[in-house]
N, C-alpha and C. Protein backbone atom coordinates (compact mmCIF):
# COMPACT_ATOMS: atom_id res chain seq x y z
N UNK A 1 -77.62 38.50 -15.03
CA UNK A 1 -77.71 38.71 -13.60
C UNK A 1 -76.35 38.40 -12.96
N UNK A 2 -75.99 39.15 -11.97
CA UNK A 2 -74.70 38.99 -11.28
C UNK A 2 -74.85 37.97 -10.16
N UNK A 3 -73.95 37.00 -10.17
CA UNK A 3 -73.92 36.00 -9.11
C UNK A 3 -72.71 36.31 -8.24
N UNK A 4 -72.94 36.96 -7.11
CA UNK A 4 -71.84 37.44 -6.27
C UNK A 4 -71.01 36.31 -5.70
N UNK A 5 -71.64 35.19 -5.37
CA UNK A 5 -70.89 34.07 -4.79
C UNK A 5 -69.89 33.53 -5.81
N UNK A 6 -70.33 33.33 -7.03
CA UNK A 6 -69.45 32.81 -8.08
C UNK A 6 -68.36 33.81 -8.44
N UNK A 7 -68.73 35.08 -8.52
CA UNK A 7 -67.76 36.12 -8.85
C UNK A 7 -66.71 36.25 -7.76
N UNK A 8 -67.11 36.15 -6.50
CA UNK A 8 -66.17 36.24 -5.40
C UNK A 8 -65.20 35.06 -5.43
N UNK A 9 -65.70 33.87 -5.72
CA UNK A 9 -64.83 32.69 -5.78
C UNK A 9 -63.81 32.82 -6.91
N UNK A 10 -64.24 33.31 -8.04
CA UNK A 10 -63.31 33.51 -9.17
C UNK A 10 -62.25 34.55 -8.83
N UNK A 11 -62.67 35.63 -8.20
CA UNK A 11 -61.73 36.68 -7.83
C UNK A 11 -60.73 36.17 -6.80
N UNK A 12 -61.21 35.45 -5.79
CA UNK A 12 -60.32 34.91 -4.76
C UNK A 12 -59.33 33.93 -5.38
N UNK A 13 -59.79 33.09 -6.30
CA UNK A 13 -58.90 32.13 -6.96
C UNK A 13 -57.86 32.85 -7.80
N UNK A 14 -58.26 33.89 -8.50
CA UNK A 14 -57.31 34.65 -9.32
C UNK A 14 -56.27 35.34 -8.45
N UNK A 15 -56.67 35.90 -7.33
CA UNK A 15 -55.73 36.56 -6.43
C UNK A 15 -54.75 35.54 -5.84
N UNK A 16 -55.26 34.40 -5.42
CA UNK A 16 -54.40 33.35 -4.87
C UNK A 16 -53.42 32.86 -5.93
N UNK A 17 -53.89 32.66 -7.13
CA UNK A 17 -53.00 32.23 -8.22
C UNK A 17 -51.93 33.26 -8.52
N UNK A 18 -52.28 34.53 -8.45
CA UNK A 18 -51.31 35.60 -8.67
C UNK A 18 -50.21 35.57 -7.62
N UNK A 19 -50.59 35.38 -6.36
CA UNK A 19 -49.59 35.30 -5.29
C UNK A 19 -48.68 34.10 -5.47
N UNK A 20 -49.25 32.97 -5.84
CA UNK A 20 -48.44 31.75 -6.03
C UNK A 20 -47.45 31.95 -7.18
N UNK A 21 -47.91 32.47 -8.30
CA UNK A 21 -47.02 32.68 -9.44
C UNK A 21 -45.96 33.73 -9.14
N UNK A 22 -46.33 34.79 -8.46
CA UNK A 22 -45.36 35.83 -8.11
C UNK A 22 -44.27 35.27 -7.20
N UNK A 23 -44.68 34.48 -6.21
CA UNK A 23 -43.71 33.86 -5.31
C UNK A 23 -42.78 32.93 -6.07
N UNK A 24 -43.32 32.17 -6.99
CA UNK A 24 -42.51 31.25 -7.79
C UNK A 24 -41.51 32.01 -8.65
N UNK A 25 -41.95 33.07 -9.30
CA UNK A 25 -41.06 33.83 -10.17
C UNK A 25 -39.95 34.53 -9.38
N UNK A 26 -40.29 35.08 -8.23
CA UNK A 26 -39.28 35.74 -7.40
C UNK A 26 -38.28 34.72 -6.89
N UNK A 27 -38.77 33.56 -6.47
CA UNK A 27 -37.87 32.50 -6.02
C UNK A 27 -36.95 32.02 -7.12
N UNK A 28 -37.46 31.93 -8.33
CA UNK A 28 -36.63 31.50 -9.45
C UNK A 28 -35.58 32.54 -9.80
N UNK A 29 -35.88 33.80 -9.59
CA UNK A 29 -34.92 34.86 -9.88
C UNK A 29 -33.86 34.97 -8.79
N UNK A 30 -34.23 34.72 -7.55
CA UNK A 30 -33.29 34.86 -6.44
C UNK A 30 -32.39 33.64 -6.32
N UNK A 31 -32.87 32.47 -6.67
CA UNK A 31 -32.10 31.24 -6.52
C UNK A 31 -30.72 31.29 -7.15
N UNK A 32 -30.59 31.60 -8.44
CA UNK A 32 -29.25 31.66 -9.04
C UNK A 32 -28.36 32.73 -8.43
N UNK A 33 -28.93 33.85 -8.03
CA UNK A 33 -28.13 34.91 -7.41
C UNK A 33 -27.58 34.44 -6.07
N UNK A 34 -28.37 33.73 -5.31
CA UNK A 34 -27.91 33.21 -4.02
C UNK A 34 -26.85 32.14 -4.22
N UNK A 35 -26.97 31.34 -5.27
CA UNK A 35 -25.97 30.30 -5.53
C UNK A 35 -24.60 30.92 -5.79
N UNK A 36 -24.56 32.03 -6.50
CA UNK A 36 -23.30 32.72 -6.78
C UNK A 36 -22.75 33.34 -5.50
N UNK A 37 -23.63 33.89 -4.67
CA UNK A 37 -23.21 34.49 -3.40
C UNK A 37 -22.54 33.48 -2.49
N UNK A 38 -23.11 32.30 -2.37
CA UNK A 38 -22.64 31.33 -1.40
C UNK A 38 -21.48 30.49 -1.91
N UNK A 39 -21.21 30.51 -3.20
CA UNK A 39 -20.12 29.72 -3.76
C UNK A 39 -19.23 30.63 -4.61
N UNK A 40 -18.38 31.44 -3.97
CA UNK A 40 -17.53 32.34 -4.76
C UNK A 40 -16.49 31.56 -5.57
N UNK A 41 -16.13 32.10 -6.69
CA UNK A 41 -15.16 31.46 -7.57
C UNK A 41 -13.76 31.76 -7.03
N UNK A 42 -12.97 30.72 -6.87
CA UNK A 42 -11.60 30.91 -6.40
C UNK A 42 -10.70 31.21 -7.59
N UNK A 43 -9.50 31.70 -7.30
CA UNK A 43 -8.57 32.04 -8.38
C UNK A 43 -8.20 30.80 -9.18
N UNK A 44 -7.97 29.68 -8.51
CA UNK A 44 -7.59 28.44 -9.21
C UNK A 44 -8.70 27.97 -10.13
N UNK A 45 -9.92 28.04 -9.67
CA UNK A 45 -11.05 27.63 -10.51
C UNK A 45 -11.21 28.58 -11.68
N UNK A 46 -11.01 29.87 -11.46
CA UNK A 46 -11.12 30.84 -12.55
C UNK A 46 -10.04 30.62 -13.59
N UNK A 47 -8.81 30.32 -13.15
CA UNK A 47 -7.72 30.08 -14.08
C UNK A 47 -7.96 28.82 -14.89
N UNK A 48 -8.53 27.82 -14.25
CA UNK A 48 -8.80 26.56 -14.95
C UNK A 48 -9.88 26.76 -16.01
N UNK A 49 -10.88 27.57 -15.70
CA UNK A 49 -11.97 27.78 -16.64
C UNK A 49 -11.57 28.66 -17.81
N UNK A 50 -10.61 29.56 -17.64
CA UNK A 50 -10.23 30.47 -18.72
C UNK A 50 -9.02 29.97 -19.50
N UNK A 51 -8.38 28.92 -19.02
CA UNK A 51 -7.23 28.39 -19.73
C UNK A 51 -5.91 28.98 -19.29
N UNK A 52 -5.92 29.91 -18.34
CA UNK A 52 -4.69 30.50 -17.83
C UNK A 52 -4.09 29.58 -16.77
N UNK A 53 -2.80 29.40 -16.83
CA UNK A 53 -2.12 28.54 -15.87
C UNK A 53 -0.94 29.29 -15.29
N UNK A 54 -0.78 29.21 -13.98
CA UNK A 54 0.40 29.81 -13.35
C UNK A 54 1.63 28.98 -13.66
N UNK A 55 2.68 29.60 -14.19
CA UNK A 55 3.88 28.83 -14.53
C UNK A 55 4.90 28.88 -13.42
């Protein structure tokens, strides 16, 4: 026998969980990209990291 109240609660919980996980995954993907955007690498820092030095 179908219990609509229980089925609705399970469906609502699954949908809510999907939204929470999707938001978390999108946030985790955007975070590193935003960090690179807001902190550009300067020439001096790039030269120091690659071992090149201006003489």
